[in-house]
PDB file of N, CA and C in Angstrom:
ATOM      1  N   HIS A   1      96.011  98.235  34.643  1.00  0.00           N
ATOM      2  CA  HIS A   1      94.447  98.426  33.365  1.00  0.00           C
ATOM      3  C   HIS A   1      94.309  96.258  33.717  1.00  0.00           C
ATOM      4  N   PRO A   2      93.554  95.422  33.547  1.00  0.00           N
ATOM      5  CA  PRO A   2      93.708  94.955  33.665  1.00  0.00           C
ATOM      6  C   PRO A   2      94.186  93.981  32.509  1.00  0.00           C
ATOM      7  N   ALA A   3      94.156  94.120  31.373  1.00  0.00           N
ATOM      8  CA  ALA A   3      94.085  93.469  30.493  1.00  0.00           C
ATOM      9  C   ALA A   3      95.839  93.350  29.869  1.00  0.00           C
ATOM     10  N   VAL A   4      96.172  94.443  31.008  1.00  0.00           N
ATOM     11  CA  VAL A   4      98.303  94.401  31.161  1.00  0.00           C
ATOM     12  C   VAL A   4      98.894  93.903  31.830  1.00  0.00           C
ATOM     13  N   LEU A   5      97.904  92.810  33.057  1.00  0.00           N
ATOM     14  CA  LEU A   5      97.721  92.643  33.909  1.00  0.00           C
ATOM     15  C   LEU A   5      97.712  90.834  33.319  1.00  0.00           C
ATOM     16  N   LYS A   6      96.647  91.290  33.224  1.00  0.00           N
ATOM     17  CA  LYS A   6      96.761  89.361  32.549  1.00  0.00           C
ATOM     18  C   LYS A   6      97.253  89.001  31.591  1.00  0.00           C
ATOM     19  N   ASP A   7      98.046  89.820  30.465  1.00  0.00           N
ATOM     20  CA  ASP A   7      99.415  89.227  29.968  1.00  0.00           C
ATOM     21  C   ASP A   7     100.254  88.863  30.654  1.00  0.00           C
ATOM     22  N   LEU A   8     101.471  89.884  31.646  1.00  0.00           N
ATOM     23  CA  LEU A   8     102.394  89.005  32.582  1.00  0.00           C
ATOM     24  C   LEU A   8     101.458  87.913  33.017  1.00  0.00           C
ATOM     25  N   ILE A   9     100.588  88.609  33.901  1.00  0.00           N
ATOM     26  CA  ILE A   9     100.346  86.555  33.705  1.00  0.00           C
ATOM     27  C   ILE A   9     100.763  85.315  33.745  1.00  0.00           C
ATOM     28  N   ALA A  10     100.502  86.079  32.408  1.00  0.00           N
ATOM     29  CA  ALA A  10      99.991  85.001  31.119  1.00  0.00           C
ATOM     30  C   ALA A  10     102.240  85.107  30.741  1.00  0.00           C
ATOM     31  N   GLN A  11     102.463  85.979  30.175  1.00  0.00           N
ATOM     32  CA  GLN A  11     104.352  85.503  30.670  1.00  0.00           C
ATOM     33  C   GLN A  11     104.680  84.405  31.264  1.00  0.00           C
ATOM     34  N   TYR A  12     104.406  85.633  32.318  1.00  0.00           N
ATOM     35  CA  TYR A  12     105.093  85.128  33.366  1.00  0.00           C
ATOM     36  C   TYR A  12     104.813  83.017  33.548  1.00  0.00           C
ATOM     37  N   GLU A  13     103.940  82.739  34.004  1.00  0.00           N
ATOM     38  CA  GLU A  13     103.600  81.694  33.710  1.00  0.00           C
ATOM     39  C   GLU A  13     103.746  80.480  32.566  1.00  0.00           C
ATOM     40  N   ALA A  14     103.978  81.180  31.547  1.00  0.00           N
ATOM     41  CA  ALA A  14     104.897  80.754  30.645  1.00  0.00           C
ATOM     42  C   ALA A  14     105.948  80.373  30.332  1.00  0.00           C
ATOM     43  N   LEU A  15     107.052  81.385  30.883  1.00  0.00           N
ATOM     44  CA  LEU A  15     108.588  81.364  31.565  1.00  0.00           C
ATOM     45  C   LEU A  15     108.783  80.380  32.110  1.00  0.00           C
ATOM     46  N   THR A  16     107.805  79.833  33.185  1.00  0.00           N
ATOM     47  CA  THR A  16     107.973  79.500  34.692  1.00  0.00           C
ATOM     48  C   THR A  16     107.599  77.903  34.149  1.00  0.00           C
ATOM     49  N   LEU A  17     106.697  78.008  33.290  1.00  0.00           N
ATOM     50  CA  LEU A  17     106.416  76.537  32.388  1.00  0.00           C
ATOM     51  C   LEU A  17     107.556  75.618  31.750  1.00  0.00           C
ATOM     52  N   LEU A  18     108.565  76.746  31.024  1.00  0.00           N
ATOM     53  CA  LEU A  18     109.302  76.424  30.832  1.00  0.00           C
ATOM     54  C   LEU A  18     110.175  76.271  30.616  1.00  0.00           C
ATOM     55  N   GLY A  19     110.815  76.639  31.796  1.00  0.00           N
ATOM     56  CA  GLY A  19     111.684  77.163  33.014  1.00  0.00           C
ATOM     57  C   GLY A  19     113.210  77.788  32.444  1.00  0.00           C
ATOM     58  N   ALA A  20     112.275  78.917  32.229  1.00  0.00           N
ATOM     59  CA  ALA A  20     113.610  79.488  32.027  1.00  0.00           C
ATOM     60  C   ALA A  20     114.165  80.122  33.533  1.00  0.00           C
ATOM     61  N   GLU A  21     113.986  80.219  34.294  1.00  0.00           N
ATOM     62  CA  GLU A  21     115.322  80.283  35.659  1.00  0.00           C
ATOM     63  C   GLU A  21     116.326  79.500  35.462  1.00  0.00           C
ATOM     64  N   GLU A  22     116.372  78.786  34.406  1.00  0.00           N
ATOM     65  CA  GLU A  22     117.311  77.614  34.093  1.00  0.00           C
ATOM     66  C   GLU A  22     117.350  76.941  33.088  1.00  0.00           C
ATOM     67  N   SER A  23     117.592  78.805  32.193  1.00  0.00           N
ATOM     68  CA  SER A  23     117.518  78.768  30.249  1.00  0.00           C
ATOM     69  C   SER A  23     118.446  79.754  30.206  1.00  0.00           C
ATOM     70  N   THR A  24     118.234  79.970  29.283  1.00  0.00           N
ATOM     71  CA  THR A  24     119.378  80.771  28.686  1.00  0.00           C
ATOM     72  C   THR A  24     119.548  81.910  28.972  1.00  0.00           C
ATOM     73  N   PRO A  25     120.530  83.117  29.058  1.00  0.00           N
ATOM     74  CA  PRO A  25     120.331  83.931  29.380  1.00  0.00           C
ATOM     75  C   PRO A  25     119.173  85.129  28.962  1.00  0.00           C
ATOM     76  N   GLY A  26     119.295  84.677  28.275  1.00  0.00           N
ATOM     77  CA  GLY A  26     117.850  85.933  27.956  1.00  0.00           C
ATOM     78  C   GLY A  26     116.686  85.690  28.623  1.00  0.00           C
ATOM     79  N   ALA A  27     116.205  83.959  28.290  1.00  0.00           N
ATOM     80  CA  ALA A  27     114.882  83.851  28.560  1.00  0.00           C
ATOM     81  C   ALA A  27     114.990  84.353  30.695  1.00  0.00           C
ATOM     82  N   GLN A  28     115.822  83.757  30.984  1.00  0.00           N
ATOM     83  CA  GLN A  28     116.300  84.380  32.407  1.00  0.00           C
ATOM     84  C   GLN A  28     116.200  86.142  32.303  1.00  0.00           C
ATOM     85  N   GLN A  29     116.247  86.627  32.104  1.00  0.00           N
ATOM     86  CA  GLN A  29     116.292  88.382  31.697  1.00  0.00           C
ATOM     87  C   GLN A  29     114.841  88.381  32.018  1.00  0.00           C
ATOM     88  N   ARG A  30     113.752  88.263  30.575  1.00  0.00           N
ATOM     89  CA  ARG A  30     112.783  88.280  30.454  1.00  0.00           C
ATOM     90  C   ARG A  30     111.684  88.400  31.561  1.00  0.00           C
ATOM     91  N   LEU A  31     112.288  86.692  31.886  1.00  0.00           N
ATOM     92  CA  LEU A  31     111.398  86.736  33.320  1.00  0.00           C
ATOM     93  C   LEU A  31     111.780  87.627  34.751  1.00  0.00           C
ATOM     94  N   ALA A  32     113.283  88.292  34.719  1.00  0.00           N
ATOM     95  CA  ALA A  32     113.269  88.792  35.497  1.00  0.00           C
ATOM     96  C   ALA A  32     112.432  90.301  35.680  1.00  0.00           C
ATOM     97  N   ASP A  33     112.756  90.639  34.002  1.00  0.00           N
ATOM     98  CA  ASP A  33     111.738  91.764  33.679  1.00  0.00           C
ATOM     99  C   ASP A  33     110.253  91.550  33.871  1.00  0.00           C
ATOM    100  N   ILE A  34     109.836  90.635  33.679  1.00  0.00           N
ATOM    101  CA  ILE A  34     108.083  90.313  34.344  1.00  0.00           C
ATOM    102  C   ILE A  34     107.654  90.301  35.388  1.00  0.00           C
ATOM    103  N   SER A  35     108.958  89.744  36.638  1.00  0.00           N
ATOM    104  CA  SER A  35     108.376  89.753  37.433  1.00  0.00           C
ATOM    105  C   SER A  35     108.586  90.890  37.611  1.00  0.00           C
ATOM    106  N   TYR A  36     109.031  91.984  37.480  1.00  0.00           N
ATOM    107  CA  TYR A  36     109.487  93.382  38.364  1.00  0.00           C
ATOM    108  C   TYR A  36     108.240  94.079  38.028  1.00  0.00           C
ATOM    109  N   THR A  37     108.050  94.067  36.081  1.00  0.00           N
ATOM    110  CA  THR A  37     107.046  94.827  36.462  1.00  0.00           C
ATOM    111  C   THR A  37     105.476  94.795  36.602  1.00  0.00           C
ATOM    112  N   LEU A  38     106.148  93.258  37.378  1.00  0.00           N
ATOM    113  CA  LEU A  38     104.448  92.250  38.046  1.00  0.00           C
ATOM    114  C   LEU A  38     104.206  93.338  39.345  1.00  0.00           C
ATOM    115  N   CYS A  39     105.773  93.307  39.718  1.00  0.00           N
ATOM    116  CA  CYS A  39     105.561  93.967  41.333  1.00  0.00           C
ATOM    117  C   CYS A  39     105.165  95.663  40.589  1.00  0.00           C
ATOM    118  N   VAL A  40     106.397  96.110  40.116  1.00  0.00           N
ATOM    119  CA  VAL A  40     105.860  97.447  39.868  1.00  0.00           C
ATOM    120  C   VAL A  40     104.236  97.797  40.252  1.00  0.00           C
ATOM    121  N   ALA A  41     103.383  96.954  39.412  1.00  0.00           N
ATOM    122  CA  ALA A  41     102.314  97.040  38.792  1.00  0.00           C
ATOM    123  C   ALA A  41     100.951  97.317  39.395  1.00  0.00           C
ATOM    124  N   THR A  42     100.986  96.132  40.679  1.00  0.00           N
ATOM    125  CA  THR A  42     100.555  95.601  42.030  1.00  0.00           C
ATOM    126  C   THR A  42     101.198  96.205  43.363  1.00  0.00           C
ATOM    127  N   GLY A  43     102.154  97.394  43.168  1.00  0.00           N
ATOM    128  CA  GLY A  43     102.885  97.482  44.647  1.00  0.00           C
ATOM    129  C   GLY A  43     103.033  96.411  45.575  1.00  0.00           C
ATOM    130  N   THR A  44     103.713  96.025  44.522  1.00  0.00           N
ATOM    131  CA  THR A  44     104.944  94.443  46.010  1.00  0.00           C
ATOM    132  C   THR A  44     106.312  94.882  46.174  1.00  0.00           C
ATOM    133  N   ARG A  45     106.553  94.003  46.236  1.00  0.00           N
ATOM    134  CA  ARG A  45     108.269  93.762  45.874  1.00  0.00           C
ATOM    135  C   ARG A  45     108.690  92.629  46.036  1.00  0.00           C
ATOM    136  N   ASP A  46     108.262  91.293  46.267  1.00  0.00           N
ATOM    137  CA  ASP A  46     107.856  89.774  45.950  1.00  0.00           C
ATOM    138  C   ASP A  46     107.015  89.459  44.169  1.00  0.00           C
ATOM    139  N   VAL A  47     107.748  88.264  43.359  1.00  0.00           N
ATOM    140  CA  VAL A  47     107.319  88.350  42.964  1.00  0.00           C
ATOM    141  C   VAL A  47     105.588  87.186  42.894  1.00  0.00           C
ATOM    142  N   ASP A  48     106.014  86.325  44.217  1.00  0.00           N
ATOM    143  CA  ASP A  48     104.470  85.774  43.641  1.00  0.00           C
ATOM    144  C   ASP A  48     103.620  86.124  45.126  1.00  0.00           C
ATOM    145  N   MET A  49     103.538  87.543  46.368  1.00  0.00           N
ATOM    146  CA  MET A  49     102.400  88.556  46.451  1.00  0.00           C
ATOM    147  C   MET A  49     102.173  89.335  45.193  1.00  0.00           C
ATOM    148  N   ALA A  50     103.149  89.820  44.484  1.00  0.00           N
ATOM    149  CA  ALA A  50     102.324  90.663  43.074  1.00  0.00           C
ATOM    150  C   ALA A  50     101.434  89.081  42.038  1.00  0.00           C
ATOM    151  N   LEU A  51     101.838  88.230  41.442  1.00  0.00           N
ATOM    152  CA  LEU A  51     100.649  86.982  41.366  1.00  0.00           C
ATOM    153  C   LEU A  51      99.007  87.034  42.133  1.00  0.00           C
ATOM    154  N   ILE A  52      99.364  87.493  43.514  1.00  0.00           N
ATOM    155  CA  ILE A  52      98.233  87.091  44.133  1.00  0.00           C
ATOM    156  C   ILE A  52      97.386  88.309  43.597  1.00  0.00           C
ATOM    157  N   ALA A  53      98.417  89.446  43.953  1.00  0.00           N
ATOM    158  CA  ALA A  53      97.095  90.615  43.873  1.00  0.00           C
ATOM    159  C   ALA A  53      97.024  91.204  42.761  1.00  0.00           C
ATOM    160  N   ALA A  54      97.773  90.745  41.972  1.00  0.00           N
ATOM    161  CA  ALA A  54      96.864  91.128  39.892  1.00  0.00           C
ATOM    162  C   ALA A  54      96.070  89.670  39.960  1.00  0.00           C
ATOM    163  N   ARG A  55      96.201  89.031  39.990  1.00  0.00           N
ATOM    164  CA  ARG A  55      94.815  87.952  40.517  1.00  0.00           C
ATOM    165  C   ARG A  55      93.738  88.113  41.053  1.00  0.00           C
ATOM    166  N   HIS A  56      93.719  88.716  41.875  1.00  0.00           N
ATOM    167  CA  HIS A  56      92.327  89.109  43.077  1.00  0.00           C
ATOM    168  C   HIS A  56      92.210  90.390  42.708  1.00  0.00           C
ATOM    169  N   ARG A  57      92.924  91.529  41.414  1.00  0.00           N
ATOM    170  CA  ARG A  57      92.388  92.775  41.316  1.00  0.00           C
ATOM    171  C   ARG A  57      91.545  92.169  39.939  1.00  0.00           C
ATOM    172  N   LEU A  58      92.269  91.266  39.175  1.00  0.00           N
ATOM    173  CA  LEU A  58      91.200  90.577  38.690  1.00  0.00           C
ATOM    174  C   LEU A  58      90.145  89.887  38.006  1.00  0.00           C
ATOM    175  N   SER A  59      90.072  89.498  39.345  1.00  0.00           N
ATOM    176  CA  SER A  59      89.097  88.302  40.121  1.00  0.00           C
ATOM    177  C   SER A  59      87.358  89.606  40.634  1.00  0.00           C
ATOM    178  N   GLY A  60      87.528  90.432  40.549  1.00  0.00           N
ATOM    179  CA  GLY A  60      86.946  91.723  40.512  1.00  0.00           C
ATOM    180  C   GLY A  60      86.644  92.495  41.734  1.00  0.00           C
ATOM    181  N   ALA A  61      87.888  92.428  42.647  1.00  0.00           N
ATOM    182  CA  ALA A  61      87.787  92.981  43.666  1.00  0.00           C
ATOM    183  C   ALA A  61      88.219  94.638  43.409  1.00  0.00           C
ATOM    184  N   ARG A  62      87.318  95.401  44.136  1.00  0.00           N
ATOM    185  CA  ARG A  62      87.952  97.010  44.042  1.00  0.00           C
ATOM    186  C   ARG A  62      89.863  97.424  43.555  1.00  0.00           C
ATOM    187  N   PRO A  63      89.428  98.346  43.214  1.00  0.00           N
ATOM    188  CA  PRO A  63      91.802  97.865  42.516  1.00  0.00           C
ATOM    189  C   PRO A  63      92.612  98.503  43.768  1.00  0.00           C
ATOM    190  N   GLU A  64      92.018  99.263  44.747  1.00  0.00           N
ATOM    191  CA  GLU A  64      92.220 100.092  46.265  1.00  0.00           C
ATOM    192  C   GLU A  64      91.914  98.806  46.925  1.00  0.00           C
ATOM    193  N   ASP A  65      91.220  97.338  46.712  1.00  0.00           N
ATOM    194  CA  ASP A  65      91.542  96.804  48.404  1.00  0.00           C
ATOM    195  C   ASP A  65      92.814  96.016  48.292  1.00  0.00           C
ATOM    196  N   ASP A  66      93.795  96.297  48.874  1.00  0.00           N
ATOM    197  CA  ASP A  66      95.007  95.650  49.722  1.00  0.00           C
ATOM    198  C   ASP A  66      94.505  93.941  50.862  1.00  0.00           C
ATOM    199  N   SER A  67      93.806  94.361  51.181  1.00  0.00           N
ATOM    200  CA  SER A  67      92.776  92.952  52.236  1.00  0.00           C
ATOM    201  C   SER A  67      94.134  91.945  51.917  1.00  0.00           C
ATOM    202  N   LEU A  68      94.448  90.884  51.093  1.00  0.00           N
ATOM    203  CA  LEU A  68      95.435  89.692  50.990  1.00  0.00           C
ATOM    204  C   LEU A  68      96.899  90.403  51.130  1.00  0.00           C
ATOM    205  N   LEU A  69      97.451  92.131  51.425  1.00  0.00           N
ATOM    206  CA  LEU A  69      98.290  91.785  51.406  1.00  0.00           C
ATOM    207  C   LEU A  69      99.058  92.644  52.968  1.00  0.00           C
ATOM    208  N   GLN A  70      97.637  92.811  53.767  1.00  0.00           N
ATOM    209  CA  GLN A  70      97.452  93.528  54.831  1.00  0.00           C
ATOM    210  C   GLN A  70      97.488  92.426  55.931  1.00  0.00           C
ATOM    211  N   GLU A  71      98.203  92.207  57.174  1.00  0.00           N
ATOM    212  CA  GLU A  71      97.617  91.727  58.670  1.00  0.00           C
ATOM    213  C   GLU A  71      95.934  91.966  58.441  1.00  0.00           C
ATOM    214  N   PRO A  72      95.318  90.635  59.204  1.00  0.00           N
ATOM    215  CA  PRO A  72      93.824  91.522  59.694  1.00  0.00           C
ATOM    216  C   PRO A  72      94.958  92.352  60.509  1.00  0.00           C
ATOM    217  N   ALA A  73      93.023  92.943  61.108  1.00  0.00           N
ATOM    218  CA  ALA A  73      93.462  93.899  62.224  1.00  0.00           C
ATOM    219  C   ALA A  73      92.809  92.798  63.104  1.00  0.00           C
ATOM    220  N   PRO A  74      92.867  93.850  64.518  1.00  0.00           N
ATOM    221  CA  PRO A  74      92.538  93.316  65.521  1.00  0.00           C
ATOM    222  C   PRO A  74      91.363  92.171  65.750  1.00  0.00           C
ATOM    223  N   ALA A  75      90.680  91.765  66.576  1.00  0.00           N
ATOM    224  CA  ALA A  75      88.998  91.669  67.143  1.00  0.00           C
ATOM    225  C   ALA A  75      88.615  92.485  68.184  1.00  0.00           C
ATOM    226  N   GLY A  76      87.441  93.252  66.822  1.00  0.00           N
ATOM    227  CA  GLY A  76      87.029  94.836  68.128  1.00  0.00           C
ATOM    228  C   GLY A  76      87.623  95.729  67.726  1.00  0.00           C
ATOM    229  N   THR A  77      88.138  96.005  66.797  1.00  0.00           N
ATOM    230  CA  THR A  77      88.763  97.200  66.085  1.00  0.00           C
ATOM    231  C   THR A  77      88.367  97.712  65.038  1.00  0.00           C
ATOM    232  N   GLY A  78      87.477  97.482  64.855  1.00  0.00           N
ATOM    233  CA  GLY A  78      86.713  97.280  63.139  1.00  0.00           C
ATOM    234  C   GLY A  78      85.836  98.534  62.978  1.00  0.00           C
ATOM    235  N   SER A  79      85.350  99.256  62.709  1.00  0.00           N
ATOM    236  CA  SER A  79      84.195  99.636  62.929  1.00  0.00           C
ATOM    237  C   SER A  79      83.172  99.489  62.441  1.00  0.00           C
ATOM    238  N   ALA A  80      81.652  99.781  62.721  1.00  0.00           N
ATOM    239  CA  ALA A  80      80.464  98.803  62.945  1.00  0.00           C
ATOM    240  C   ALA A  80      80.212  99.693  61.875  1.00  0.00           C
ATOM    241  N   ALA A  81      79.131  99.246  60.906  1.00  0.00           N
ATOM    242  CA  ALA A  81      78.973  99.290  59.245  1.00  0.00           C
ATOM    243  C   ALA A  81      77.439 100.157  59.082  1.00  0.00           C
TER     244      ALA A  81
END
């Protein structure tokens, strides 16, 4: 759901801006939990890719469009529209 993705991105950005990676164990755990949830929600295994995928989904792209996560097909292999 877009509202959930927006909230997760906002929380992740706030925690990273506040330096949660080097903060209290509680803040570190919260950042780890949000990172994990972003990955699960976007079907990725890396938080950077999860953020890209989440932002891509929020920008109005089709939810099943994972073109940012795949290598482009070699030239001449696509189907004609």
